[in-house]
N, C-alpha and C. Protein backbone atom coordinates (compact mmCIF):
# COMPACT_ATOMS: atom_id res chain seq x y z
N UNK A 1 125.61 25.43 -153.28
CA UNK A 1 126.08 24.48 -154.54
C UNK A 1 124.88 23.86 -155.01
N UNK A 2 124.47 23.96 -156.51
CA UNK A 2 123.34 23.56 -156.86
C UNK A 2 123.25 22.04 -157.19
N UNK A 3 121.90 21.53 -156.74
CA UNK A 3 121.35 20.62 -157.02
C UNK A 3 120.97 20.12 -157.70
N UNK A 4 121.21 18.87 -158.61
CA UNK A 4 120.43 18.44 -159.61
C UNK A 4 119.63 17.50 -158.92
N UNK A 5 119.18 16.79 -159.91
CA UNK A 5 118.26 15.63 -159.99
C UNK A 5 118.48 14.34 -161.55
N UNK A 6 118.66 13.00 -161.34
CA UNK A 6 118.91 12.71 -162.25
C UNK A 6 117.85 11.34 -161.75
N UNK A 7 117.87 10.48 -163.38
CA UNK A 7 116.85 9.45 -163.30
C UNK A 7 117.80 7.93 -163.36
N UNK A 8 117.94 7.07 -162.25
CA UNK A 8 118.74 5.99 -162.68
C UNK A 8 117.96 4.75 -162.61
N UNK A 9 118.18 3.38 -163.48
CA UNK A 9 117.84 2.63 -163.36
C UNK A 9 118.16 1.78 -162.16
N UNK A 10 116.87 1.04 -161.36
CA UNK A 10 117.30 0.34 -160.77
C UNK A 10 117.85 -1.00 -160.75
N UNK A 11 117.78 -1.28 -162.02
CA UNK A 11 118.09 -2.70 -162.36
C UNK A 11 119.44 -3.11 -162.56
N UNK A 12 120.28 -2.09 -163.56
CA UNK A 12 121.37 -2.02 -163.62
C UNK A 12 122.20 -1.08 -163.20
N UNK A 13 121.93 0.33 -162.66
CA UNK A 13 122.38 1.34 -162.31
C UNK A 13 122.60 2.46 -163.80
N UNK A 14 122.07 2.47 -164.07
CA UNK A 14 122.87 3.01 -165.79
C UNK A 14 122.06 4.17 -165.50
N UNK A 15 122.36 5.55 -165.99
CA UNK A 15 121.41 6.56 -165.67
C UNK A 15 120.76 6.82 -167.33
N UNK A 16 119.63 7.79 -167.20
CA UNK A 16 118.85 8.26 -168.31
C UNK A 16 119.48 8.99 -169.15
N UNK A 17 119.70 9.21 -169.96
CA UNK A 17 120.63 9.31 -171.07
C UNK A 17 119.71 10.17 -172.39
N UNK A 18 120.49 11.48 -172.80
CA UNK A 18 119.41 11.76 -174.31
C UNK A 18 121.20 11.55 -175.35
N UNK A 19 120.21 11.07 -176.56
CA UNK A 19 121.33 11.25 -178.14
C UNK A 19 121.06 11.82 -179.18
N UNK A 20 121.33 12.83 -179.20
CA UNK A 20 120.59 13.84 -179.91
C UNK A 20 120.96 14.09 -180.97
N UNK A 21 120.39 13.77 -181.92
CA UNK A 21 120.55 13.92 -183.42
C UNK A 21 121.73 15.28 -183.97
N UNK A 22 123.01 14.37 -185.07
CA UNK A 22 123.70 15.57 -185.00
C UNK A 22 123.63 15.65 -186.83
N UNK A 23 124.46 16.32 -187.51
CA UNK A 23 124.17 16.68 -188.75
C UNK A 23 124.56 15.25 -189.65
N UNK A 24 125.32 14.75 -189.13
CA UNK A 24 126.14 13.34 -189.20
C UNK A 24 124.97 11.99 -189.28
N UNK A 25 124.40 12.26 -187.98
CA UNK A 25 123.28 11.08 -187.88
C UNK A 25 123.27 11.17 -185.86
N UNK A 26 122.69 10.01 -185.31
CA UNK A 26 123.08 10.24 -184.30
C UNK A 26 124.11 10.03 -183.58
N UNK A 27 124.34 10.95 -182.18
CA UNK A 27 124.91 10.99 -181.73
C UNK A 27 125.26 9.40 -180.96
N UNK A 28 126.63 9.02 -181.16
CA UNK A 28 126.80 7.97 -180.01
C UNK A 28 126.76 7.72 -178.76
N UNK A 29 127.54 9.19 -178.04
CA UNK A 29 128.05 9.27 -176.61
C UNK A 29 126.71 9.88 -176.37
N UNK A 30 126.18 9.23 -175.02
CA UNK A 30 125.12 9.54 -174.65
C UNK A 30 125.62 11.17 -173.60
N UNK A 31 124.27 12.14 -173.62
CA UNK A 31 124.25 13.06 -172.51
C UNK A 31 123.35 12.82 -171.38
N UNK A 32 124.23 13.03 -170.19
CA UNK A 32 123.22 12.56 -168.65
C UNK A 32 122.00 13.84 -168.90
N UNK A 33 120.67 13.37 -168.31
CA UNK A 33 119.55 14.30 -168.52
C UNK A 33 119.91 14.63 -166.83
N UNK A 34 119.97 15.97 -166.30
CA UNK A 34 120.00 16.67 -165.03
C UNK A 34 118.37 17.52 -165.22
N UNK A 35 117.75 17.53 -163.85
CA UNK A 35 116.56 18.28 -163.32
C UNK A 35 116.87 19.03 -162.50
N UNK A 36 116.51 20.04 -162.51
CA UNK A 36 116.64 21.20 -161.79
C UNK A 36 115.86 21.16 -160.39
N UNK A 37 114.24 20.18 -160.49
CA UNK A 37 113.47 19.60 -159.44
C UNK A 37 113.73 18.44 -159.71
N UNK A 38 113.04 17.32 -158.06
CA UNK A 38 113.18 16.09 -157.89
C UNK A 38 111.79 16.20 -158.96
N UNK A 39 110.67 16.69 -158.39
CA UNK A 39 109.22 16.55 -159.75
C UNK A 39 109.25 16.77 -160.80
N UNK A 40 110.30 17.42 -161.43
CA UNK A 40 110.53 18.13 -163.17
C UNK A 40 110.89 16.29 -163.02
N UNK A 41 111.57 15.14 -162.92
CA UNK A 41 112.44 14.45 -163.04
C UNK A 41 110.83 13.23 -163.08
N UNK A 42 110.12 12.80 -161.89
CA UNK A 42 109.08 11.64 -161.69
C UNK A 42 108.22 12.53 -162.67
N UNK A 43 108.31 13.76 -163.93
CA UNK A 43 107.09 14.27 -164.62
C UNK A 43 107.21 14.12 -165.97
N UNK A 44 108.76 14.11 -166.00
CA UNK A 44 109.48 13.03 -166.91
C UNK A 44 109.66 12.14 -167.63
N UNK A 45 109.39 10.98 -166.38
CA UNK A 45 109.12 9.35 -165.99
C UNK A 45 108.25 9.51 -166.96
N UNK A 46 107.12 10.07 -166.16
CA UNK A 46 105.78 9.53 -166.10
C UNK A 46 105.11 10.11 -167.41
N UNK A 47 105.33 10.97 -167.99
CA UNK A 47 105.09 11.43 -169.41
C UNK A 47 105.94 10.83 -170.77
N UNK A 48 107.08 10.31 -170.55
CA UNK A 48 107.41 9.91 -171.80
C UNK A 48 107.89 8.35 -171.20
N UNK A 49 107.57 7.84 -170.21
CA UNK A 49 107.72 6.22 -170.13
C UNK A 49 107.50 5.75 -168.88
N UNK A 50 106.10 6.05 -169.30
CA UNK A 50 104.99 5.47 -167.78
C UNK A 50 105.16 4.14 -167.11
N UNK A 51 105.34 3.15 -168.21
CA UNK A 51 105.82 1.86 -167.82
C UNK A 51 106.97 1.91 -167.03
N UNK A 52 107.86 2.74 -167.00
CA UNK A 52 109.49 2.26 -166.56
C UNK A 52 109.10 3.04 -165.19
N UNK A 53 108.06 3.78 -164.77
CA UNK A 53 108.07 4.51 -163.08
C UNK A 53 108.86 3.51 -162.85
N UNK A 54 108.29 2.10 -162.27
CA UNK A 54 108.52 1.01 -160.95
C UNK A 54 109.87 0.62 -161.07
N UNK A 55 110.84 0.79 -162.72
CA UNK A 55 111.90 0.64 -162.64
C UNK A 55 113.11 1.71 -162.47
N UNK A 56 112.86 2.51 -162.23
CA UNK A 56 114.00 3.91 -161.86
C UNK A 56 113.41 4.47 -160.69
N UNK A 57 115.08 5.50 -160.19
CA UNK A 57 114.71 6.35 -158.96
C UNK A 57 115.68 7.73 -159.20
N UNK A 58 114.58 8.39 -158.79
CA UNK A 58 115.17 9.93 -158.93
C UNK A 58 116.06 10.18 -157.77
N UNK A 59 117.40 10.65 -158.22
CA UNK A 59 118.77 10.67 -157.39
C UNK A 59 118.77 11.81 -157.40
N UNK A 60 119.46 13.00 -156.31
CA UNK A 60 119.60 14.04 -156.17
C UNK A 60 121.51 14.00 -156.40
N UNK A 61 122.19 15.10 -156.87
CA UNK A 61 123.76 15.04 -157.36
C UNK A 61 123.72 16.71 -156.96
N UNK A 62 124.49 16.91 -156.15
CA UNK A 62 125.57 17.81 -156.15
C UNK A 62 126.60 18.03 -157.27
N UNK A 63 126.72 19.71 -158.33
CA UNK A 63 127.06 20.25 -159.03
C UNK A 63 128.87 19.33 -158.87
N UNK A 64 128.97 19.03 -158.13
CA UNK A 64 131.01 18.87 -157.85
C UNK A 64 130.63 17.35 -158.06
N UNK A 65 129.49 16.67 -158.05
CA UNK A 65 129.69 15.80 -158.24
C UNK A 65 129.43 14.94 -159.85
N UNK A 66 129.09 15.95 -160.78
CA UNK A 66 128.67 15.56 -161.92
C UNK A 66 129.54 15.80 -163.02
N UNK A 67 130.87 16.12 -162.56
CA UNK A 67 132.34 15.92 -163.58
C UNK A 67 132.58 14.26 -163.26
N UNK A 68 132.73 13.87 -162.59
CA UNK A 68 133.43 12.29 -161.88
C UNK A 68 132.59 11.89 -162.76
N UNK A 69 131.00 11.96 -162.87
CA UNK A 69 130.10 10.61 -163.21
C UNK A 69 130.14 11.19 -164.69
N UNK A 70 130.32 11.96 -165.54
CA UNK A 70 130.54 12.28 -166.79
C UNK A 70 131.55 11.47 -167.31
N UNK A 71 133.19 11.34 -166.76
CA UNK A 71 133.97 10.57 -166.74
C UNK A 71 134.22 9.17 -166.96
N UNK A 72 133.29 8.71 -165.55
CA UNK A 72 133.22 7.44 -165.06
C UNK A 72 132.36 6.64 -166.32
N UNK A 73 131.40 7.18 -166.71
CA UNK A 73 130.55 6.57 -167.93
C UNK A 73 130.70 7.18 -168.89
N UNK A 74 131.77 7.91 -169.15
CA UNK A 74 131.84 8.64 -170.96
C UNK A 74 130.58 9.49 -171.31
N UNK A 75 130.46 10.11 -170.38
CA UNK A 75 129.16 10.81 -171.41
C UNK A 75 129.58 12.10 -172.17
N UNK A 76 129.22 12.46 -172.80
CA UNK A 76 129.49 13.34 -174.28
C UNK A 76 129.22 15.09 -173.50
N UNK A 77 128.43 15.06 -172.13
CA UNK A 77 128.28 16.49 -171.89
C UNK A 77 126.52 15.93 -171.11
N UNK A 78 125.99 17.19 -170.77
CA UNK A 78 124.39 17.16 -169.97
C UNK A 78 124.09 17.04 -170.59
N UNK A 79 122.66 17.10 -170.14
CA UNK A 79 121.45 17.62 -171.14
C UNK A 79 120.52 18.37 -170.14
N UNK A 80 120.29 19.49 -169.87
CA UNK A 80 119.69 20.06 -168.76
C UNK A 80 117.73 20.31 -169.30
N UNK A 81 117.40 19.47 -168.27
CA UNK A 81 115.87 19.12 -168.79
C UNK A 81 115.02 20.80 -168.57
N UNK A 82 114.41 21.73 -169.44
CA UNK A 82 114.37 23.12 -169.02
C UNK A 82 112.72 23.01 -168.90
N UNK A 83 112.23 21.85 -169.51
CA UNK A 83 110.61 21.70 -169.40
C UNK A 83 110.39 19.84 -169.74
N UNK A 84 110.11 19.13 -168.39
CA UNK A 84 109.60 18.01 -169.20
C UNK A 84 108.38 17.42 -170.05
N UNK A 85 107.86 18.11 -169.62
CA UNK A 85 106.63 17.39 -170.80
C UNK A 85 106.98 17.70 -172.48
N UNK A 86 107.64 18.76 -172.71
CA UNK A 86 107.97 18.93 -174.18
C UNK A 86 108.91 17.48 -174.69
N UNK A 87 109.59 17.42 -174.44
CA UNK A 87 110.91 18.07 -173.15
C UNK A 87 111.89 18.79 -174.39
N UNK A 88 112.02 19.94 -173.12
CA UNK A 88 112.95 20.59 -173.79
C UNK A 88 114.31 21.06 -172.88
N UNK A 89 115.19 20.81 -173.76
CA UNK A 89 116.78 20.51 -172.98
C UNK A 89 118.06 21.15 -173.81
N UNK A 90 118.42 21.65 -172.56
CA UNK A 90 119.91 22.32 -173.04
C UNK A 90 121.10 21.70 -173.22
N UNK A 91 121.61 21.42 -174.52
CA UNK A 91 122.80 20.28 -173.89
C UNK A 91 123.96 20.81 -174.56
N UNK A 92 125.45 20.58 -173.45
CA UNK A 92 126.19 21.21 -172.97
C UNK A 92 127.46 19.97 -172.88
N UNK A 93 128.11 20.15 -173.54
CA UNK A 93 129.43 19.44 -173.72
C UNK A 93 130.48 19.51 -172.58
N UNK A 94 131.14 18.51 -171.70
CA UNK A 94 131.56 17.67 -170.75
C UNK A 94 132.95 19.10 -170.94
N UNK A 95 133.13 19.71 -171.45
CA UNK A 95 134.51 20.97 -171.66
C UNK A 95 133.56 21.91 -171.57
N UNK A 96 132.18 22.38 -171.17
CA UNK A 96 131.37 23.90 -171.44
C UNK A 96 131.32 24.29 -169.70
N UNK A 97 131.32 22.98 -169.21
CA UNK A 97 130.93 23.25 -168.00
C UNK A 97 129.07 23.40 -167.53
N UNK A 98 128.99 23.22 -165.89
CA UNK A 98 127.42 23.84 -165.92
C UNK A 98 127.05 25.43 -166.13
N UNK A 99 125.69 25.56 -166.48
CA UNK A 99 125.61 26.58 -166.65
C UNK A 99 124.94 27.52 -165.31
N UNK A 100 125.25 28.52 -165.43
CA UNK A 100 125.21 30.21 -163.85
C UNK A 100 123.82 29.73 -163.54
């Protein structure tokens, strides 16, 4: 079973999400950002939100736990961060499932 890593606020428990722009404007539903490695999540925070690094935590999640999280928080899908520096993110809707 694949393990992924996500970033969560220590203040309110919310997850770091992306809201990609669509042709009609910004997406209202967020995409849960998932990282393949713990250090990728840390690189993402240190690069894009260094002032927040003391306010967030990196958590591990196995793929079987992802669908309930998506449903509970009403996320549109997942954003798999391929390169945390750029960032390069592959978006999948909740119904398309996890990548192989």
